[in-house]
Amino acid sequence: MHEPFALLLPVYGGDRAEFVRAAFHSAVHDQELPPDAVILVRDGPVPDELATCLDELCAGSPVPVTVVPLEHSNGLGPALDAGLAASPYDVIARMDADDIAMPNRFAVQLPLISAGADIVGAGLLEFDGDLDDIVGRRVPPTKPDDIRRYAKIHDPFNHPTVVYRREAVLKVGGYGANQALMEDYWLFSRMLAAGAEPRNVPEPLVYYRVGAGAYERRGGRDLLRSELRLQSKLRRNGLTTRSEYVRNVIVRGGYRLLPWRFRRIVYRRIVAGYGARRGRSAQPGHSSPAVGEQSHNHARGNAHANAQETPQENTQGNQ
């Protein structure tokens, strides 16, 4: 018997009802190992069509659904913290409201949690429009030492794929509200520093929806400010050395200011090359926005923004 676990699914007003319905069904109805409960966080007001969709999903769910209504949307981090608090179980699986979970996702990840991991991520396939239109693949670092080393410059997990123990998340204070746009990278860095046992599955277990403007959204002053704030926190808390801090500010900070076409070139020629040198598989010809710093369903049309901060080609490059 597997340890019971909950699916944590935040939804906000910018999500499309048909995408939410598909995400829910893929992560609940269609799973070989379905969750024992769903925590659905309604992050602020939602339009009538989406509200009706959520009501129908709750009524038709084969497992109990707890709806956590938030009066205002204050960002992805506070929404996820509210969902963590509402879960009846310690093991929690993340899911974005416009992605598709592969049917074997939890059947692959839960045994690793049972074997002692505190957080388990996975690879993913990026698609644009429908599942036949695969535009990229992300393969994360898998060995615990590689995950910890990679976290010094990139987010080592694809946030929409993770399953983790709430105890390990709360031990470091949860996501928090003071690192908007990169709350997941900040959380995972603290978890690793506190001794959380990490794992990543190289095979893709989630279809990650991308769309037009992926590279354009990864730059600008808001992301630069968030980047500099994150790097300062990592340095103050001893999670990076002084030289790593300087490197990250120059490389990651400078990346945010590049015109998007140059951002794409830099990623393809430098970031993707770094992943290949680390021995992770690459699939030439695909480019993709990275998935590490905040889940993309809150990034569209809303002040949250992660789909992730950096485009990433076919190797893990969450920033």
C-alpha atoms as a PDB file:
ATOM      1  CA  MET A   1       0.000   0.000   0.000  1.00  0.00           C
ATOM      2  CA  HIS A   2       1.253   3.481  -0.842  1.00  0.00           C
ATOM      3  CA  GLU A   3       1.276   6.281   1.677  1.00  0.00           C
ATOM      4  CA  PRO A   4      -1.834   8.446   1.111  1.00  0.00           C
ATOM      5  CA  PHE A   5      -1.217  11.715  -0.683  1.00  0.00           C
ATOM      6  CA  ALA A   6      -3.059  14.824  -1.812  1.00  0.00           C
ATOM      7  CA  LEU A   7      -3.000  16.660  -5.116  1.00  0.00           C
ATOM      8  CA  LEU A   8      -2.437  20.422  -4.694  1.00  0.00           C
ATOM      9  CA  LEU A   9      -3.989  22.373  -7.568  1.00  0.00           C
ATOM     10  CA  PRO A  10      -4.147  26.205  -7.460  1.00  0.00           C
ATOM     11  CA  VAL A  11      -6.526  27.983  -9.836  1.00  0.00           C
ATOM     12  CA  TYR A  12      -6.795  31.725 -10.466  1.00  0.00           C
ATOM     13  CA  GLY A  13      -9.013  33.997 -12.545  1.00  0.00           C
ATOM     14  CA  GLY A  14      -6.794  33.880 -15.618  1.00  0.00           C
ATOM     15  CA  ASP A  15      -7.057  30.108 -16.051  1.00  0.00           C
ATOM     16  CA  ARG A  16      -9.215  28.681 -18.827  1.00  0.00           C
ATOM     17  CA  ALA A  17     -11.973  26.301 -17.797  1.00  0.00           C
ATOM     18  CA  GLU A  18     -11.205  23.727 -20.498  1.00  0.00           C
ATOM     19  CA  PHE A  19      -7.541  23.589 -19.472  1.00  0.00           C
ATOM     20  CA  VAL A  20      -8.422  23.230 -15.779  1.00  0.00           C
ATOM     21  CA  ARG A  21     -10.839  20.407 -16.586  1.00  0.00           C
ATOM     22  CA  ALA A  22      -8.223  18.548 -18.626  1.00  0.00           C
ATOM     23  CA  ALA A  23      -5.562  19.025 -15.937  1.00  0.00           C
ATOM     24  CA  PHE A  24      -7.874  17.771 -13.188  1.00  0.00           C
ATOM     25  CA  HIS A  25      -8.975  14.691 -15.105  1.00  0.00           C
ATOM     26  CA  SER A  26      -5.400  13.789 -16.063  1.00  0.00           C
ATOM     27  CA  ALA A  27      -4.195  14.022 -12.452  1.00  0.00           C
ATOM     28  CA  VAL A  28      -7.183  12.324 -10.813  1.00  0.00           C
ATOM     29  CA  HIS A  29      -9.463  10.253 -13.056  1.00  0.00           C
ATOM     30  CA  ASP A  30      -6.777   9.009 -15.454  1.00  0.00           C
ATOM     31  CA  GLN A  31      -4.012   8.092 -13.006  1.00  0.00           C
ATOM     32  CA  GLU A  32      -2.839   4.531 -12.468  1.00  0.00           C
ATOM     33  CA  LEU A  33      -2.286   5.592  -8.859  1.00  0.00           C
ATOM     34  CA  PRO A  34      -4.782   8.383  -8.152  1.00  0.00           C
ATOM     35  CA  PRO A  35      -4.452  10.813  -5.237  1.00  0.00           C
ATOM     36  CA  ASP A  36      -6.416  10.149  -2.072  1.00  0.00           C
ATOM     37  CA  ALA A  37      -7.618  13.748  -1.921  1.00  0.00           C
ATOM     38  CA  VAL A  38      -7.491  16.984  -3.893  1.00  0.00           C
ATOM     39  CA  ILE A  39      -6.782  20.406  -2.431  1.00  0.00           C
ATOM     40  CA  LEU A  40      -8.133  22.955  -4.882  1.00  0.00           C
ATOM     41  CA  VAL A  41      -7.048  26.501  -4.049  1.00  0.00           C
ATOM     42  CA  ARG A  42      -9.261  29.159  -5.637  1.00  0.00           C
ATOM     43  CA  ASP A  43      -6.787  32.009  -5.675  1.00  0.00           C
ATOM     44  CA  GLY A  44      -9.016  35.072  -5.662  1.00  0.00           C
ATOM     45  CA  PRO A  45     -12.167  35.741  -7.698  1.00  0.00           C
ATOM     46  CA  VAL A  46     -12.765  33.648 -10.814  1.00  0.00           C
ATOM     47  CA  PRO A  47     -15.173  34.220 -13.729  1.00  0.00           C
ATOM     48  CA  ASP A  48     -18.515  32.433 -13.789  1.00  0.00           C
ATOM     49  CA  GLU A  49     -17.481  29.889 -16.421  1.00  0.00           C
ATOM     50  CA  LEU A  50     -14.481  28.824 -14.373  1.00  0.00           C
ATOM     51  CA  ALA A  51     -16.504  28.762 -11.145  1.00  0.00           C
ATOM     52  CA  THR A  52     -19.026  26.431 -12.797  1.00  0.00           C
ATOM     53  CA  CYS A  53     -16.196  24.224 -14.031  1.00  0.00           C
ATOM     54  CA  LEU A  54     -14.759  23.944 -10.519  1.00  0.00           C
ATOM     55  CA  ASP A  55     -18.166  23.043  -9.084  1.00  0.00           C
ATOM     56  CA  GLU A  56     -18.580  20.305 -11.680  1.00  0.00           C
ATOM     57  CA  LEU A  57     -15.105  18.915 -11.028  1.00  0.00           C
ATOM     58  CA  CYS A  58     -15.770  18.753  -7.296  1.00  0.00           C
ATOM     59  CA  ALA A  59     -19.129  17.056  -7.802  1.00  0.00           C
ATOM     60  CA  GLY A  60     -17.737  14.473 -10.215  1.00  0.00           C
ATOM     61  CA  SER A  61     -14.458  13.715  -8.483  1.00  0.00           C
ATOM     62  CA  PRO A  62     -13.823  10.098  -7.458  1.00  0.00           C
ATOM     63  CA  VAL A  63     -11.835  11.339  -4.442  1.00  0.00           C
ATOM     64  CA  PRO A  64     -12.650  13.995  -1.822  1.00  0.00           C
ATOM     65  CA  VAL A  65     -11.982  17.596  -2.877  1.00  0.00           C
ATOM     66  CA  THR A  66     -11.306  20.383  -0.416  1.00  0.00           C
ATOM     67  CA  VAL A  67     -11.778  23.861  -1.882  1.00  0.00           C
ATOM     68  CA  VAL A  68      -9.702  26.601  -0.276  1.00  0.00           C
ATOM     69  CA  PRO A  69     -11.239  29.949  -1.324  1.00  0.00           C
ATOM     70  CA  LEU A  70      -8.973  32.985  -1.048  1.00  0.00           C
ATOM     71  CA  GLU A  71     -10.667  36.364  -1.159  1.00  0.00           C
ATOM     72  CA  HIS A  72      -7.796  38.012  -3.016  1.00  0.00           C
ATOM     73  CA  SER A  73      -4.981  36.679  -5.162  1.00  0.00           C
ATOM     74  CA  ASN A  74      -1.701  37.471  -3.448  1.00  0.00           C
ATOM     75  CA  GLY A  75       0.549  35.357  -5.617  1.00  0.00           C
ATOM     76  CA  LEU A  76       1.353  31.715  -6.100  1.00  0.00           C
ATOM     77  CA  GLY A  77       3.405  31.305  -2.918  1.00  0.00           C
ATOM     78  CA  PRO A  78       0.637  32.283  -0.468  1.00  0.00           C
ATOM     79  CA  ALA A  79      -1.875  30.218  -2.473  1.00  0.00           C
ATOM     80  CA  LEU A  80       0.284  27.115  -2.208  1.00  0.00           C
ATOM     81  CA  ASP A  81       0.936  27.722   1.485  1.00  0.00           C
ATOM     82  CA  ALA A  82      -2.823  27.864   2.055  1.00  0.00           C
ATOM     83  CA  GLY A  83      -3.201  24.580   0.205  1.00  0.00           C
ATOM     84  CA  LEU A  84      -0.422  22.939   2.206  1.00  0.00           C
ATOM     85  CA  ALA A  85      -2.184  23.900   5.425  1.00  0.00           C
ATOM     86  CA  ALA A  86      -5.449  22.357   4.230  1.00  0.00           C
ATOM     87  CA  SER A  87      -4.016  18.974   3.205  1.00  0.00           C
ATOM     88  CA  PRO A  88      -4.974  15.978   5.342  1.00  0.00           C
ATOM     89  CA  TYR A  89      -1.776  14.203   4.287  1.00  0.00           C
ATOM     90  CA  ASP A  90       1.947  14.826   4.566  1.00  0.00           C
ATOM     91  CA  VAL A  91       2.737  13.769   0.998  1.00  0.00           C
ATOM     92  CA  ILE A  92       1.589  16.339  -1.559  1.00  0.00           C
ATOM     93  CA  ALA A  93       1.799  16.369  -5.350  1.00  0.00           C
ATOM     94  CA  ARG A  94       1.910  19.672  -7.221  1.00  0.00           C
ATOM     95  CA  MET A  95       0.008  20.259 -10.424  1.00  0.00           C
ATOM     96  CA  ASP A  96      -0.561  23.328 -12.567  1.00  0.00           C
ATOM     97  CA  ALA A  97      -4.046  24.093 -13.798  1.00  0.00           C
ATOM     98  CA  ASP A  98      -3.205  23.973 -17.499  1.00  0.00           C
ATOM     99  CA  ASP A  99      -0.797  21.037 -17.698  1.00  0.00           C
ATOM    100  CA  ILE A 100      -1.480  17.352 -18.330  1.00  0.00           C
ATOM    101  CA  ALA A 101      -0.173  14.589 -16.071  1.00  0.00           C
ATOM    102  CA  MET A 102       0.836  11.364 -17.734  1.00  0.00           C
ATOM    103  CA  PRO A 103      -1.132   8.370 -16.425  1.00  0.00           C
ATOM    104  CA  ASN A 104       1.877   6.794 -14.689  1.00  0.00           C
ATOM    105  CA  ARG A 105       3.082   9.972 -12.998  1.00  0.00           C
ATOM    106  CA  PHE A 106       2.235   9.157  -9.391  1.00  0.00           C
ATOM    107  CA  ALA A 107       2.872   5.434  -9.811  1.00  0.00           C
ATOM    108  CA  VAL A 108       6.485   6.374 -10.656  1.00  0.00           C
ATOM    109  CA  GLN A 109       7.021   9.124  -8.064  1.00  0.00           C
ATOM    110  CA  LEU A 110       5.290   7.801  -4.934  1.00  0.00           C
ATOM    111  CA  PRO A 111       7.585   4.766  -4.474  1.00  0.00           C
ATOM    112  CA  LEU A 112      10.557   7.149  -4.347  1.00  0.00           C
ATOM    113  CA  ILE A 113       8.872   9.123  -1.572  1.00  0.00           C
ATOM    114  CA  SER A 114       8.169   5.881   0.271  1.00  0.00           C
ATOM    115  CA  ALA A 115      11.835   4.920  -0.155  1.00  0.00           C
ATOM    116  CA  GLY A 116      12.983   8.019   1.728  1.00  0.00           C
ATOM    117  CA  ALA A 117      13.001  11.006  -0.620  1.00  0.00           C
ATOM    118  CA  ASP A 118      11.571  14.291   0.660  1.00  0.00           C
ATOM    119  CA  ILE A 119      11.054  15.766  -2.800  1.00  0.00           C
ATOM    120  CA  VAL A 120      10.770  14.050  -6.183  1.00  0.00           C
ATOM    121  CA  GLY A 121      10.647  15.912  -9.475  1.00  0.00           C
ATOM    122  CA  ALA A 122      10.518  14.659 -13.040  1.00  0.00           C
ATOM    123  CA  GLY A 123      11.193  15.509 -16.631  1.00  0.00           C
ATOM    124  CA  LEU A 124       8.507  17.026 -18.808  1.00  0.00           C
ATOM    125  CA  LEU A 125       7.456  17.513 -22.398  1.00  0.00           C
ATOM    126  CA  GLU A 126       6.438  20.958 -23.593  1.00  0.00           C
ATOM    127  CA  PHE A 127       3.517  21.269 -25.948  1.00  0.00           C
ATOM    128  CA  ASP A 128       1.834  24.110 -27.773  1.00  0.00           C
ATOM    129  CA  GLY A 129      -1.851  23.740 -28.530  1.00  0.00           C
ATOM    130  CA  ASP A 130      -2.330  19.987 -28.337  1.00  0.00           C
ATOM    131  CA  LEU A 131      -0.339  16.973 -27.204  1.00  0.00           C
ATOM    132  CA  ASP A 132       0.698  16.131 -30.759  1.00  0.00           C
ATOM    133  CA  ASP A 133       2.613  19.411 -30.962  1.00  0.00           C
ATOM    134  CA  ILE A 134       5.633  18.658 -28.744  1.00  0.00           C
ATOM    135  CA  VAL A 135       8.084  21.562 -28.886  1.00  0.00           C
ATOM    136  CA  GLY A 136      10.624  20.667 -26.200  1.00  0.00           C
ATOM    137  CA  ARG A 137      11.749  18.305 -23.496  1.00  0.00           C
ATOM    138  CA  ARG A 138      13.300  18.978 -20.103  1.00  0.00           C
ATOM    139  CA  VAL A 139      15.478  16.387 -18.421  1.00  0.00           C
ATOM    140  CA  PRO A 140      16.499  17.304 -14.845  1.00  0.00           C
ATOM    141  CA  PRO A 141      19.648  16.307 -12.956  1.00  0.00           C
ATOM    142  CA  THR A 142      18.917  13.047 -11.158  1.00  0.00           C
ATOM    143  CA  LYS A 143      21.705  12.247  -8.700  1.00  0.00           C
ATOM    144  CA  PRO A 144      21.294  13.942  -5.301  1.00  0.00           C
ATOM    145  CA  ASP A 145      24.774  15.491  -5.457  1.00  0.00           C
ATOM    146  CA  ASP A 146      24.129  16.819  -8.953  1.00  0.00           C
ATOM    147  CA  ILE A 147      20.786  18.251  -7.831  1.00  0.00           C
ATOM    148  CA  ARG A 148      22.438  20.089  -4.925  1.00  0.00           C
ATOM    149  CA  ARG A 149      25.268  21.368  -7.116  1.00  0.00           C
ATOM    150  CA  TYR A 150      22.929  22.448  -9.888  1.00  0.00           C
ATOM    151  CA  ALA A 151      20.823  24.415  -7.395  1.00  0.00           C
ATOM    152  CA  LYS A 152      23.726  26.847  -6.998  1.00  0.00           C
ATOM    153  CA  ILE A 153      22.850  28.454 -10.333  1.00  0.00           C
ATOM    154  CA  HIS A 154      19.555  26.922 -11.549  1.00  0.00           C
ATOM    155  CA  ASP A 155      16.361  25.619 -10.049  1.00  0.00           C
ATOM    156  CA  PRO A 156      17.003  21.850 -10.164  1.00  0.00           C
ATOM    157  CA  PHE A 157      13.315  20.853 -10.192  1.00  0.00           C
ATOM    158  CA  ASN A 158      10.500  21.353 -12.660  1.00  0.00           C
ATOM    159  CA  HIS A 159       8.027  22.840 -10.203  1.00  0.00           C
ATOM    160  CA  PRO A 160       4.802  21.501 -11.797  1.00  0.00           C
ATOM    161  CA  THR A 161       6.173  17.951 -11.517  1.00  0.00           C
ATOM    162  CA  VAL A 162       7.190  17.789  -7.862  1.00  0.00           C
ATOM    163  CA  VAL A 163       5.875  15.559  -5.109  1.00  0.00           C
ATOM    164  CA  TYR A 164       7.122  16.447  -1.637  1.00  0.00           C
ATOM    165  CA  ARG A 165       6.619  15.944   2.053  1.00  0.00           C
ATOM    166  CA  ARG A 166       4.817  18.836   3.690  1.00  0.00           C
ATOM    167  CA  GLU A 167       6.959  18.371   6.790  1.00  0.00           C
ATOM    168  CA  ALA A 168      10.099  19.108   4.769  1.00  0.00           C
ATOM    169  CA  VAL A 169       8.463  22.163   3.175  1.00  0.00           C
ATOM    170  CA  LEU A 170       7.184  23.599   6.453  1.00  0.00           C
ATOM    171  CA  LYS A 171      10.514  22.936   8.164  1.00  0.00           C
ATOM    172  CA  VAL A 172      11.964  25.815   6.134  1.00  0.00           C
ATOM    173  CA  GLY A 173       8.896  28.064   6.344  1.00  0.00           C
ATOM    174  CA  GLY A 174       6.965  27.103   3.215  1.00  0.00           C
ATOM    175  CA  TYR A 175       6.873  29.170   0.055  1.00  0.00           C
ATOM    176  CA  GLY A 176       6.278  32.536   1.734  1.00  0.00           C
ATOM    177  CA  ALA A 177       5.069  35.791   0.246  1.00  0.00           C
ATOM    178  CA  ASN A 178       8.331  37.701  -0.096  1.00  0.00           C
ATOM    179  CA  GLN A 179       9.922  36.117  -3.171  1.00  0.00           C
ATOM    180  CA  ALA A 180       7.333  36.596  -5.887  1.00  0.00           C
ATOM    181  CA  LEU A 181       8.153  35.122  -9.297  1.00  0.00           C
ATOM    182  CA  MET A 182      10.786  32.775  -7.876  1.00  0.00           C
ATOM    183  CA  GLU A 183       9.224  31.329  -4.741  1.00  0.00           C
ATOM    184  CA  ASP A 184       9.808  27.724  -5.786  1.00  0.00           C
ATOM    185  CA  TYR A 185      13.548  28.184  -6.410  1.00  0.00           C
ATOM    186  CA  TRP A 186      13.853  29.905  -3.034  1.00  0.00           C
ATOM    187  CA  LEU A 187      11.908  27.097  -1.332  1.00  0.00           C
ATOM    188  CA  PHE A 188      13.864  24.278  -2.953  1.00  0.00           C
ATOM    189  CA  SER A 189      17.210  25.919  -2.144  1.00  0.00           C
ATOM    190  CA  ARG A 190      16.248  26.124   1.529  1.00  0.00           C
ATOM    191  CA  MET A 191      14.962  22.567   1.564  1.00  0.00           C
ATOM    192  CA  LEU A 192      18.227  21.247   0.138  1.00  0.00           C
ATOM    193  CA  ALA A 193      20.273  23.312   2.603  1.00  0.00           C
ATOM    194  CA  ALA A 194      18.182  21.919   5.483  1.00  0.00           C
ATOM    195  CA  GLY A 195      18.995  18.355   4.478  1.00  0.00           C
ATOM    196  CA  ALA A 196      15.956  17.362   2.410  1.00  0.00           C
ATOM    197  CA  GLU A 197      16.647  14.217   0.390  1.00  0.00           C
ATOM    198  CA  PRO A 198      16.118  15.033  -3.329  1.00  0.00           C
ATOM    199  CA  ARG A 199      15.326  12.855  -6.316  1.00  0.00           C
ATOM    200  CA  ASN A 200      14.460  13.550  -9.934  1.00  0.00           C
ATOM    201  CA  VAL A 201      13.038  11.136 -12.473  1.00  0.00           C
ATOM    202  CA  PRO A 202      14.602  11.803 -15.876  1.00  0.00           C
ATOM    203  CA  GLU A 203      11.626  10.543 -17.851  1.00  0.00           C
ATOM    204  CA  PRO A 204       8.862  13.033 -18.657  1.00  0.00           C
ATOM    205  CA  LEU A 205       5.786  12.615 -16.455  1.00  0.00           C
ATOM    206  CA  VAL A 206       3.999  15.880 -17.254  1.00  0.00           C
ATOM    207  CA  TYR A 207       3.003  17.671 -20.437  1.00  0.00           C
ATOM    208  CA  TYR A 208       3.769  21.347 -19.851  1.00  0.00           C
ATOM    209  CA  ARG A 209       1.734  23.858 -21.840  1.00  0.00           C
ATOM    210  CA  VAL A 210       3.657  26.694 -23.499  1.00  0.00           C
ATOM    211  CA  GLY A 211       2.464  29.431 -25.796  1.00  0.00           C
ATOM    212  CA  ALA A 212       3.443  32.542 -27.683  1.00  0.00           C
ATOM    213  CA  GLY A 213       5.587  35.041 -25.838  1.00  0.00           C
ATOM    214  CA  ALA A 214       7.453  32.510 -23.696  1.00  0.00           C
ATOM    215  CA  TYR A 215      10.830  34.206 -24.158  1.00  0.00           C
ATOM    216  CA  GLU A 216       9.408  37.708 -23.947  1.00  0.00           C
ATOM    217  CA  ARG A 217       7.986  37.025 -20.484  1.00  0.00           C
ATOM    218  CA  ARG A 218      11.327  35.920 -19.063  1.00  0.00           C
ATOM    219  CA  GLY A 219      12.868  39.372 -18.934  1.00  0.00           C
ATOM    220  CA  GLY A 220      12.166  42.872 -17.726  1.00  0.00           C
ATOM    221  CA  ARG A 221      12.697  44.920 -14.607  1.00  0.00           C
ATOM    222  CA  ASP A 222      10.262  43.016 -12.385  1.00  0.00           C
ATOM    223  CA  LEU A 223      12.081  39.758 -12.995  1.00  0.00           C
ATOM    224  CA  LEU A 224      15.430  41.480 -12.588  1.00  0.00           C
ATOM    225  CA  ARG A 225      14.376  42.845  -9.189  1.00  0.00           C
ATOM    226  CA  SER A 226      13.125  39.423  -8.148  1.00  0.00           C
ATOM    227  CA  GLU A 227      16.354  37.850  -9.389  1.00  0.00           C
ATOM    228  CA  LEU A 228      18.542  40.258  -7.423  1.00  0.00           C
ATOM    229  CA  ARG A 229      16.402  39.784  -4.319  1.00  0.00           C
ATOM    230  CA  LEU A 230      16.718  36.009  -4.608  1.00  0.00           C
ATOM    231  CA  GLN A 231      20.480  36.101  -5.106  1.00  0.00           C
ATOM    232  CA  SER A 232      20.885  38.365  -2.066  1.00  0.00           C
ATOM    233  CA  LYS A 233      18.872  35.938   0.061  1.00  0.00           C
ATOM    234  CA  LEU A 234      20.857  32.944  -1.145  1.00  0.00           C
ATOM    235  CA  ARG A 235      24.103  34.719  -0.274  1.00  0.00           C
ATOM    236  CA  ARG A 236      22.920  36.030   3.129  1.00  0.00           C
ATOM    237  CA  ASN A 237      21.771  32.575   4.128  1.00  0.00           C
ATOM    238  CA  GLY A 238      25.038  30.955   3.119  1.00  0.00           C
ATOM    239  CA  LEU A 239      23.492  28.996   0.253  1.00  0.00           C
ATOM    240  CA  THR A 240      25.968  30.417  -2.266  1.00  0.00           C
ATOM    241  CA  THR A 241      29.546  31.623  -1.970  1.00  0.00           C
ATOM    242  CA  ARG A 242      30.598  35.163  -2.760  1.00  0.00           C
ATOM    243  CA  SER A 243      31.951  34.126  -6.151  1.00  0.00           C
ATOM    244  CA  GLU A 244      28.750  32.201  -6.932  1.00  0.00           C
ATOM    245  CA  TYR A 245      26.720  35.258  -5.960  1.00  0.00           C
ATOM    246  CA  VAL A 246      28.724  37.528  -8.278  1.00  0.00           C
ATOM    247  CA  ARG A 247      28.459  35.012 -11.123  1.00  0.00           C
ATOM    248  CA  ASN A 248      24.712  34.629 -10.686  1.00  0.00           C
ATOM    249  CA  VAL A 249      24.051  38.367 -10.531  1.00  0.00           C
ATOM    250  CA  ILE A 250      26.050  38.947 -13.714  1.00  0.00           C
ATOM    251  CA  VAL A 251      24.792  35.927 -15.677  1.00  0.00           C
ATOM    252  CA  ARG A 252      21.233  35.579 -14.460  1.00  0.00           C
ATOM    253  CA  GLY A 253      20.643  39.278 -13.876  1.00  0.00           C
ATOM    254  CA  GLY A 254      22.094  40.235 -17.237  1.00  0.00           C
ATOM    255  CA  TYR A 255      19.955  37.625 -18.925  1.00  0.00           C
ATOM    256  CA  ARG A 256      16.790  39.372 -17.721  1.00  0.00           C
ATOM    257  CA  LEU A 257      17.755  42.580 -19.502  1.00  0.00           C
ATOM    258  CA  LEU A 258      18.472  41.098 -22.919  1.00  0.00           C
ATOM    259  CA  PRO A 259      15.957  41.583 -25.746  1.00  0.00           C
ATOM    260  CA  TRP A 260      14.005  38.347 -26.045  1.00  0.00           C
ATOM    261  CA  ARG A 261      15.596  37.304 -29.338  1.00  0.00           C
ATOM    262  CA  PHE A 262      19.045  37.555 -27.757  1.00  0.00           C
ATOM    263  CA  ARG A 263      17.737  35.752 -24.668  1.00  0.00           C
ATOM    264  CA  ARG A 264      16.798  32.831 -26.899  1.00  0.00           C
ATOM    265  CA  ILE A 265      20.232  32.802 -28.532  1.00  0.00           C
ATOM    266  CA  VAL A 266      22.035  32.960 -25.184  1.00  0.00           C
ATOM    267  CA  TYR A 267      19.971  30.107 -23.864  1.00  0.00           C
ATOM    268  CA  ARG A 268      20.538  27.887 -26.859  1.00  0.00           C
ATOM    269  CA  ARG A 269      24.271  28.500 -27.060  1.00  0.00           C
ATOM    270  CA  ILE A 270      25.186  28.706 -23.382  1.00  0.00           C
ATOM    271  CA  VAL A 271      22.519  27.439 -21.003  1.00  0.00           C
ATOM    272  CA  ALA A 272      21.624  24.375 -23.060  1.00  0.00           C
ATOM    273  CA  GLY A 273      25.318  23.690 -23.597  1.00  0.00           C
ATOM    274  CA  TYR A 274      25.877  23.745 -19.839  1.00  0.00           C
ATOM    275  CA  GLY A 275      23.227  21.070 -19.401  1.00  0.00           C
ATOM    276  CA  ALA A 276      24.788  18.907 -22.083  1.00  0.00           C
ATOM    277  CA  ARG A 277      28.225  19.218 -20.478  1.00  0.00           C
ATOM    278  CA  ARG A 278      26.732  18.005 -17.211  1.00  0.00           C
ATOM    279  CA  GLY A 279      25.800  14.810 -19.017  1.00  0.00           C
ATOM    280  CA  ARG A 280      22.079  15.355 -19.269  1.00  0.00           C
ATOM    281  CA  SER A 281      20.437  14.294 -22.506  1.00  0.00           C
ATOM    282  CA  ALA A 282      19.496  16.897 -25.066  1.00  0.00           C
ATOM    283  CA  GLN A 283      17.224  16.766 -28.039  1.00  0.00           C
ATOM    284  CA  PRO A 284      18.501  19.205 -30.665  1.00  0.00           C
ATOM    285  CA  GLY A 285      16.206  21.631 -32.313  1.00  0.00           C
ATOM    286  CA  HIS A 286      13.816  22.260 -29.447  1.00  0.00           C
ATOM    287  CA  SER A 287      13.834  25.404 -27.435  1.00  0.00           C
ATOM    288  CA  SER A 288      11.753  26.010 -24.388  1.00  0.00           C
ATOM    289  CA  PRO A 289      11.056  28.414 -21.594  1.00  0.00           C
ATOM    290  CA  ALA A 290      12.315  27.111 -18.302  1.00  0.00           C
ATOM    291  CA  VAL A 291      10.106  25.831 -15.570  1.00  0.00           C
ATOM    292  CA  GLY A 292      11.637  26.474 -12.299  1.00  0.00           C
ATOM    293  CA  GLU A 293      10.801  29.546 -10.526  1.00  0.00           C
ATOM    294  CA  GLN A 294       7.085  29.745 -10.453  1.00  0.00           C
ATOM    295  CA  SER A 295       4.317  27.817 -12.025  1.00  0.00           C
ATOM    296  CA  HIS A 296       3.224  29.155 -15.363  1.00  0.00           C
ATOM    297  CA  ASN A 297      -0.512  28.957 -14.858  1.00  0.00           C
ATOM    298  CA  HIS A 298      -0.190  31.996 -12.558  1.00  0.00           C
ATOM    299  CA  ALA A 299       2.152  33.773 -14.932  1.00  0.00           C
ATOM    300  CA  ARG A 300      -0.248  34.583 -17.721  1.00  0.00           C
ATOM    301  CA  GLY A 301      -2.056  37.852 -17.520  1.00  0.00           C
ATOM    302  CA  ASN A 302      -1.314  38.175 -13.828  1.00  0.00           C
ATOM    303  CA  ALA A 303       1.426  39.626 -11.685  1.00  0.00           C
ATOM    304  CA  HIS A 304       2.695  36.180 -10.703  1.00  0.00           C
ATOM    305  CA  ALA A 305       4.623  34.991 -13.804  1.00  0.00           C
ATOM    306  CA  ASN A 306       6.833  31.740 -13.782  1.00  0.00           C
ATOM    307  CA  ALA A 307       6.132  29.780 -16.227  1.00  0.00           C
ATOM    308  CA  GLN A 308       9.697  29.979 -15.498  1.00  0.00           C
ATOM    309  CA  GLU A 309      12.199  32.478 -15.624  1.00  0.00           C
ATOM    310  CA  THR A 310      14.502  31.185 -18.295  1.00  0.00           C
ATOM    311  CA  PRO A 311      14.050  29.414 -21.513  1.00  0.00           C
ATOM    312  CA  GLN A 312      15.590  26.035 -21.537  1.00  0.00           C
ATOM    313  CA  GLU A 313      16.243  23.851 -24.415  1.00  0.00           C
ATOM    314  CA  ASN A 314      15.985  20.132 -23.797  1.00  0.00           C
ATOM    315  CA  THR A 315      18.040  19.797 -20.726  1.00  0.00           C
ATOM    316  CA  GLN A 316      17.121  20.945 -17.277  1.00  0.00           C
ATOM    317  CA  GLY A 317      17.687  24.675 -17.043  1.00  0.00           C
ATOM    318  CA  ASN A 318      15.195  26.016 -14.583  1.00  0.00           C
ATOM    319  CA  GLN A 319      16.631  29.116 -13.254  1.00  0.00           C
END
